[in-house]
Amino acid sequence: MADDATLTIHVGERSLVRLQALAAQTGQSEAALVGEALEAYLDLHEWQATAIAEAVAGSKAGEVPIEHDRMVAWLKSCSTANELPPPQ
């Protein structure tokens, strides 16, 4: 494919053995499994890094999106007969 690129990585022997075993079990190539894992990792960590950066910027600007006490009260009420609505 035109948008594929090559990446060389060093992994521990145990990780390589596990990858090879999974590739054999699933019938997928090692490269396909690593590519899939990398995409999942990037999706998660890009989202987290962006959310953290936005929260830090908001905090520096004086924003407090949800007060700590309201969040604690809501969490304590979860799964009780008097569960509070999530704080906004």
C-alpha atoms as a PDB file:
ATOM      1  CA  MET A   1       0.000   0.000   0.000  1.00  0.00           C
ATOM      2  CA  ALA A   2       1.110   3.520  -0.688  1.00  0.00           C
ATOM      3  CA  ASP A   3       0.584   4.727   2.878  1.00  0.00           C
ATOM      4  CA  ASP A   4       2.549   1.937   4.557  1.00  0.00           C
ATOM      5  CA  ALA A   5       5.923   2.659   6.100  1.00  0.00           C
ATOM      6  CA  THR A   6       8.622   0.511   7.654  1.00  0.00           C
ATOM      7  CA  LEU A   7       9.463   0.773  11.336  1.00  0.00           C
ATOM      8  CA  THR A   8      12.209  -1.209  13.021  1.00  0.00           C
ATOM      9  CA  ILE A   9      11.845  -1.864  16.744  1.00  0.00           C
ATOM     10  CA  HIS A  10      13.729  -3.773  19.401  1.00  0.00           C
ATOM     11  CA  VAL A  11      11.649  -5.959  21.706  1.00  0.00           C
ATOM     12  CA  GLY A  12      12.458  -8.326  24.492  1.00  0.00           C
ATOM     13  CA  GLU A  13      12.795 -12.005  23.668  1.00  0.00           C
ATOM     14  CA  ARG A  14       9.688 -12.846  25.705  1.00  0.00           C
ATOM     15  CA  SER A  15       7.597 -10.315  23.772  1.00  0.00           C
ATOM     16  CA  LEU A  16       8.863 -11.657  20.463  1.00  0.00           C
ATOM     17  CA  VAL A  17       8.016 -15.240  21.418  1.00  0.00           C
ATOM     18  CA  ARG A  18       4.538 -14.170  22.524  1.00  0.00           C
ATOM     19  CA  LEU A  19       4.022 -12.228  19.283  1.00  0.00           C
ATOM     20  CA  GLN A  20       5.117 -15.175  17.175  1.00  0.00           C
ATOM     21  CA  ALA A  21       2.807 -17.514  19.096  1.00  0.00           C
ATOM     22  CA  LEU A  22      -0.154 -15.176  18.695  1.00  0.00           C
ATOM     23  CA  ALA A  23       0.559 -14.761  14.989  1.00  0.00           C
ATOM     24  CA  ALA A  24       0.597 -18.545  14.598  1.00  0.00           C
ATOM     25  CA  GLN A  25      -2.637 -18.950  16.587  1.00  0.00           C
ATOM     26  CA  THR A  26      -4.539 -16.253  14.709  1.00  0.00           C
ATOM     27  CA  GLY A  27      -3.116 -16.761  11.252  1.00  0.00           C
ATOM     28  CA  GLN A  28      -2.140 -13.102  11.106  1.00  0.00           C
ATOM     29  CA  SER A  29       1.319 -11.836  10.342  1.00  0.00           C
ATOM     30  CA  GLU A  30       3.495 -10.435  13.106  1.00  0.00           C
ATOM     31  CA  ALA A  31       3.536  -7.115  11.243  1.00  0.00           C
ATOM     32  CA  ALA A  32      -0.270  -6.996  11.116  1.00  0.00           C
ATOM     33  CA  LEU A  33      -0.542  -7.689  14.849  1.00  0.00           C
ATOM     34  CA  VAL A  34       2.054  -5.054  15.721  1.00  0.00           C
ATOM     35  CA  GLY A  35       0.365  -2.540  13.423  1.00  0.00           C
ATOM     36  CA  GLU A  36      -3.010  -3.211  15.041  1.00  0.00           C
ATOM     37  CA  ALA A  37      -1.516  -2.899  18.524  1.00  0.00           C
ATOM     38  CA  LEU A  38       0.231   0.345  17.609  1.00  0.00           C
ATOM     39  CA  GLU A  39      -2.998   1.861  16.268  1.00  0.00           C
ATOM     40  CA  ALA A  40      -4.865   0.925  19.464  1.00  0.00           C
ATOM     41  CA  TYR A  41      -2.057   2.364  21.606  1.00  0.00           C
ATOM     42  CA  LEU A  42      -1.997   5.617  19.649  1.00  0.00           C
ATOM     43  CA  ASP A  43      -5.782   5.980  19.733  1.00  0.00           C
ATOM     44  CA  LEU A  44      -5.806   5.658  23.509  1.00  0.00           C
ATOM     45  CA  HIS A  45      -2.754   7.733  24.324  1.00  0.00           C
ATOM     46  CA  GLU A  46      -3.419  10.543  21.845  1.00  0.00           C
ATOM     47  CA  TRP A  47      -6.876  10.938  23.369  1.00  0.00           C
ATOM     48  CA  GLN A  48      -5.463  10.926  26.908  1.00  0.00           C
ATOM     49  CA  ALA A  49      -2.671  13.376  26.117  1.00  0.00           C
ATOM     50  CA  THR A  50      -5.118  15.771  24.446  1.00  0.00           C
ATOM     51  CA  ALA A  51      -7.602  15.552  27.320  1.00  0.00           C
ATOM     52  CA  ILE A  52      -4.870  16.164  29.889  1.00  0.00           C
ATOM     53  CA  ALA A  53      -3.444  19.117  27.954  1.00  0.00           C
ATOM     54  CA  GLU A  54      -6.910  20.667  27.653  1.00  0.00           C
ATOM     55  CA  ALA A  55      -7.595  20.161  31.368  1.00  0.00           C
ATOM     56  CA  VAL A  56      -4.239  21.678  32.343  1.00  0.00           C
ATOM     57  CA  ALA A  57      -4.819  24.669  30.066  1.00  0.00           C
ATOM     58  CA  GLY A  58      -8.291  25.153  31.536  1.00  0.00           C
ATOM     59  CA  SER A  59      -6.962  24.895  35.058  1.00  0.00           C
ATOM     60  CA  LYS A  60      -4.272  27.480  34.327  1.00  0.00           C
ATOM     61  CA  ALA A  61      -7.017  29.742  32.971  1.00  0.00           C
ATOM     62  CA  GLY A  62      -8.908  29.390  36.249  1.00  0.00           C
ATOM     63  CA  GLU A  63     -11.535  26.918  35.056  1.00  0.00           C
ATOM     64  CA  VAL A  64     -12.761  24.249  37.460  1.00  0.00           C
ATOM     65  CA  PRO A  65     -15.019  22.018  35.349  1.00  0.00           C
ATOM     66  CA  ILE A  66     -16.280  19.886  38.246  1.00  0.00           C
ATOM     67  CA  GLU A  67     -15.669  20.703  41.871  1.00  0.00           C
ATOM     68  CA  HIS A  68     -13.926  17.952  43.807  1.00  0.00           C
ATOM     69  CA  ASP A  69     -16.538  17.777  46.565  1.00  0.00           C
ATOM     70  CA  ARG A  70     -19.382  17.333  44.057  1.00  0.00           C
ATOM     71  CA  MET A  71     -17.475  14.552  42.293  1.00  0.00           C
ATOM     72  CA  VAL A  72     -16.741  12.747  45.572  1.00  0.00           C
ATOM     73  CA  ALA A  73     -20.394  13.003  46.639  1.00  0.00           C
ATOM     74  CA  TRP A  74     -21.532  11.584  43.315  1.00  0.00           C
ATOM     75  CA  LEU A  75     -19.024   8.716  43.421  1.00  0.00           C
ATOM     76  CA  LYS A  76     -20.055   7.811  46.976  1.00  0.00           C
ATOM     77  CA  SER A  77     -23.698   7.732  45.889  1.00  0.00           C
ATOM     78  CA  CYS A  78     -23.127   5.398  42.944  1.00  0.00           C
ATOM     79  CA  SER A  79     -24.989   2.078  43.209  1.00  0.00           C
ATOM     80  CA  THR A  80     -26.958   3.263  46.240  1.00  0.00           C
ATOM     81  CA  ALA A  81     -30.683   3.848  46.571  1.00  0.00           C
ATOM     82  CA  ASN A  82     -30.010   7.595  46.538  1.00  0.00           C
ATOM     83  CA  GLU A  83     -27.661   7.822  43.580  1.00  0.00           C
ATOM     84  CA  LEU A  84     -27.020  11.412  42.549  1.00  0.00           C
ATOM     85  CA  PRO A  85     -26.944  12.525  38.919  1.00  0.00           C
ATOM     86  CA  PRO A  86     -23.418  12.917  37.517  1.00  0.00           C
ATOM     87  CA  PRO A  87     -22.033  16.406  38.131  1.00  0.00           C
ATOM     88  CA  GLN A  88     -21.904  18.671  35.113  1.00  0.00           C
END
